[in-house]
Amino acid sequence: MDDGEQADGEDWLLLVYRVPPEPTRLRAAVWRRIKSLGAIYLQSSAAALPASSGAERALRKLRREIIEMSGTAALLSCRVLAGEPEVRAAFQAARDDEYEEIVDRCEDFLAQVRKEYVADHFTYAELEENEVDLVKLRNWLARVRARDVFGSAGRGQVEQALANCEKVLEEYAARVYAEEAEGH
């Protein structure tokens, strides 16, 4: 585990906060940040993450930002005394949802490459565009994998989907090189 993450899941960080109701963009910004960290909501304005030094730094920074927007926030280090399996399951379900979303994007990627074949469009520009998209998928997976401290079930499926995208892109690249070599 990176950044001192606890694989046993006993230690958690809990951010309890209140953001002013207006402007609503502040609430949305906090929600997006909490989601981007991989935290789960235990209830409204109470988000939890498995304890790690990286998670603590990120939540301390978010706490400071909430206070700067005239909100209130407390960051707690805790152990779940009752209901830990449910908290862990919610955390894993959140990761599985993220993995599923990446699988959906992999399907979109494959459809885009198929579209290039149908259009008989084999150019370096298209290859580069598809490579950029694949790098985005890889980076997204790396961020989710870093949050997946308990090894969610969806991880294998997304890794297989990404490997398929890489294979299809390699085949497309070979076709681009062949077409360019022939002067098409």
Protein backbone atom coordinates (compact mmCIF):
# COMPACT_ATOMS: atom_id res chain seq x y z
CA MET A 1 0.00 0.00 0.00
CA ASP A 2 1.26 3.50 -0.82
CA ASP A 3 1.42 6.49 1.49
CA GLY A 4 1.11 4.39 4.65
CA GLU A 5 -2.38 3.15 3.83
CA GLN A 6 -3.87 0.60 6.17
CA ALA A 7 -5.01 -2.57 4.41
CA ASP A 8 -7.04 -3.75 7.40
CA GLY A 9 -9.37 -0.75 7.15
CA GLU A 10 -9.58 -0.22 10.89
CA ASP A 11 -8.38 3.38 10.84
CA TRP A 12 -10.48 5.99 9.06
CA LEU A 13 -10.44 9.73 8.59
CA LEU A 14 -13.76 11.51 8.94
CA LEU A 15 -14.42 15.02 7.63
CA VAL A 16 -17.52 16.61 9.09
CA TYR A 17 -18.28 19.97 7.53
CA ARG A 18 -20.81 22.67 6.82
CA VAL A 19 -20.64 24.93 3.78
CA PRO A 20 -22.77 28.08 3.41
CA PRO A 21 -25.89 27.34 1.33
CA GLU A 22 -25.08 30.16 -1.13
CA PRO A 23 -23.48 30.27 -3.56
CA THR A 24 -24.24 26.66 -4.46
CA ARG A 25 -21.02 26.37 -6.45
CA LEU A 26 -19.14 26.14 -3.13
CA ARG A 27 -21.13 23.05 -2.11
CA ALA A 28 -20.57 21.52 -5.53
CA ALA A 29 -16.83 22.23 -5.37
CA VAL A 30 -16.52 20.52 -1.98
CA TRP A 31 -18.58 17.55 -3.17
CA ARG A 32 -16.39 17.16 -6.28
CA ARG A 33 -13.20 17.31 -4.22
CA ILE A 34 -14.48 14.71 -1.75
CA LYS A 35 -15.49 12.41 -4.60
CA SER A 36 -12.14 12.93 -6.38
CA LEU A 37 -10.36 11.79 -3.22
CA GLY A 38 -12.44 8.62 -3.24
CA ALA A 39 -14.17 9.39 0.05
CA ILE A 40 -17.62 8.03 0.79
CA TYR A 41 -20.43 9.90 2.46
CA LEU A 42 -21.66 8.31 5.66
CA GLN A 43 -24.39 10.93 5.70
CA SER A 44 -24.81 14.48 4.48
CA SER A 45 -21.64 16.50 5.15
CA ALA A 46 -19.77 13.58 6.76
CA ALA A 47 -17.23 11.91 4.48
CA ALA A 48 -14.85 9.04 5.32
CA LEU A 49 -11.61 7.75 3.86
CA PRO A 50 -9.31 4.94 4.97
CA ALA A 51 -6.51 6.57 6.96
CA SER A 52 -3.23 7.29 5.21
CA SER A 53 -0.81 10.18 5.33
CA GLY A 54 -1.81 11.20 1.78
CA ALA A 55 -5.52 11.14 2.62
CA GLU A 56 -4.86 13.16 5.78
CA ARG A 57 -2.95 15.84 3.85
CA ALA A 58 -5.71 16.09 1.24
CA LEU A 59 -8.48 16.31 3.85
CA ARG A 60 -6.55 18.89 5.91
CA LYS A 61 -6.21 21.01 2.78
CA LEU A 62 -9.92 20.61 1.98
CA ARG A 63 -10.80 21.51 5.59
CA ARG A 64 -8.78 24.71 5.26
CA GLU A 65 -10.54 25.56 1.99
CA ILE A 66 -13.97 24.99 3.56
CA ILE A 67 -13.08 27.33 6.42
CA GLU A 68 -11.84 29.94 3.90
CA MET A 69 -15.27 29.83 2.23
CA SER A 70 -16.86 30.72 5.61
CA GLY A 71 -17.78 27.13 6.37
CA THR A 72 -16.91 24.92 9.32
CA ALA A 73 -15.09 21.61 9.28
CA ALA A 74 -13.55 19.11 11.64
CA LEU A 75 -11.21 16.31 10.60
CA LEU A 76 -11.28 13.28 12.86
CA SER A 77 -9.18 10.15 13.01
CA CYS A 78 -11.29 7.23 14.16
CA ARG A 79 -12.02 3.53 14.25
CA VAL A 80 -15.44 2.26 13.31
CA LEU A 81 -16.80 0.69 16.48
CA ALA A 82 -19.87 -0.81 14.83
CA GLY A 83 -20.79 -1.10 11.18
CA GLU A 84 -17.25 -1.33 9.77
CA PRO A 85 -18.21 -4.01 7.22
CA GLU A 86 -20.91 -1.69 5.86
CA VAL A 87 -18.51 1.27 5.69
CA ARG A 88 -15.89 -0.84 3.93
CA ALA A 89 -18.53 -2.24 1.54
CA ALA A 90 -19.69 1.29 0.69
CA PHE A 91 -16.09 2.29 0.01
CA GLN A 92 -15.56 -0.76 -2.23
CA ALA A 93 -18.86 -0.13 -4.04
CA ALA A 94 -17.69 3.42 -4.80
CA ARG A 95 -14.50 2.01 -6.34
CA ASP A 96 -16.49 -0.56 -8.32
CA ASP A 97 -18.66 2.28 -9.69
CA GLU A 98 -15.52 4.12 -10.78
CA TYR A 99 -14.12 0.97 -12.38
CA GLU A 100 -17.42 0.42 -14.20
CA GLU A 101 -17.30 3.96 -15.54
CA ILE A 102 -13.79 3.37 -16.89
CA VAL A 103 -14.98 0.14 -18.56
CA ASP A 104 -17.76 2.17 -20.22
CA ARG A 105 -15.17 4.68 -21.47
CA CYS A 106 -13.05 1.78 -22.77
CA GLU A 107 -16.08 0.64 -24.79
CA ASP A 108 -16.41 4.19 -26.17
CA PHE A 109 -12.70 4.12 -27.05
CA LEU A 110 -13.10 0.82 -28.92
CA ALA A 111 -16.13 2.19 -30.78
CA GLN A 112 -14.08 5.21 -31.86
CA VAL A 113 -11.29 3.02 -33.22
CA ARG A 114 -13.86 0.82 -35.02
CA LYS A 115 -15.28 3.99 -36.56
CA GLU A 116 -11.84 4.79 -37.99
CA TYR A 117 -11.74 1.36 -39.63
CA VAL A 118 -15.22 1.80 -41.11
CA ALA A 119 -14.27 5.24 -42.47
CA ASP A 120 -10.99 3.80 -43.80
CA HIS A 121 -9.25 6.59 -41.89
CA PHE A 122 -5.69 5.56 -41.04
CA THR A 123 -3.64 8.68 -40.28
CA TYR A 124 -0.98 9.63 -37.80
CA ALA A 125 -3.25 12.41 -36.54
CA GLU A 126 -6.02 9.94 -35.68
CA LEU A 127 -3.49 7.56 -34.14
CA GLU A 128 -2.12 10.36 -31.96
CA GLU A 129 -5.62 11.40 -30.89
CA ASN A 130 -6.44 7.82 -29.90
CA GLU A 131 -3.12 7.48 -28.05
CA VAL A 132 -3.97 10.60 -26.03
CA ASP A 133 -7.36 9.10 -25.15
CA LEU A 134 -5.70 5.85 -24.06
CA VAL A 135 -3.25 7.74 -21.84
CA LYS A 136 -6.21 9.48 -20.19
CA LEU A 137 -7.82 6.10 -19.50
CA ARG A 138 -4.57 4.73 -18.05
CA ASN A 139 -4.14 7.79 -15.81
CA TRP A 140 -7.74 7.57 -14.64
CA LEU A 141 -7.27 3.90 -13.78
CA ALA A 142 -4.07 4.72 -11.88
CA ARG A 143 -5.92 7.30 -9.75
CA VAL A 144 -8.75 4.88 -8.95
CA ARG A 145 -6.33 2.02 -8.29
CA ALA A 146 -4.47 4.26 -5.81
CA ARG A 147 -7.74 4.77 -3.90
CA ASP A 148 -8.67 1.08 -4.04
CA VAL A 149 -7.00 0.11 -0.77
CA PHE A 150 -9.23 -2.94 -0.23
CA GLY A 151 -8.99 -4.46 -3.73
CA SER A 152 -12.50 -4.04 -5.12
CA ALA A 153 -13.90 -6.76 -7.36
CA GLY A 154 -14.23 -4.50 -10.42
CA ARG A 155 -10.50 -3.97 -10.74
CA GLY A 156 -9.86 -7.09 -12.81
CA GLN A 157 -12.55 -6.27 -15.35
CA VAL A 158 -11.26 -2.75 -15.94
CA GLU A 159 -7.66 -3.94 -16.28
CA GLN A 160 -8.82 -6.46 -18.89
CA ALA A 161 -10.82 -3.78 -20.73
CA LEU A 162 -7.83 -1.44 -20.78
CA ALA A 163 -5.55 -4.23 -22.02
CA ASN A 164 -8.03 -4.81 -24.85
CA CYS A 165 -7.93 -1.09 -25.71
CA GLU A 166 -4.13 -1.23 -25.82
CA LYS A 167 -4.22 -4.28 -28.11
CA VAL A 168 -6.74 -2.69 -30.48
CA LEU A 169 -4.72 0.53 -30.60
CA GLU A 170 -1.55 -1.42 -31.43
CA GLU A 171 -3.41 -3.11 -34.29
CA TYR A 172 -4.69 0.26 -35.50
CA ALA A 173 -1.16 1.72 -35.28
CA ALA A 174 0.21 -1.14 -37.38
CA ARG A 175 -2.45 -0.42 -40.00
CA VAL A 176 -1.62 3.32 -39.95
CA TYR A 177 2.07 2.54 -40.46
CA ALA A 178 1.27 0.14 -43.30
CA GLU A 179 -1.05 2.64 -45.01
CA GLU A 180 1.48 5.46 -44.68
CA ALA A 181 4.27 3.23 -46.03
CA GLU A 182 2.14 2.48 -49.10
CA GLY A 183 1.56 6.21 -49.58
CA HIS A 184 -2.22 6.22 -49.01
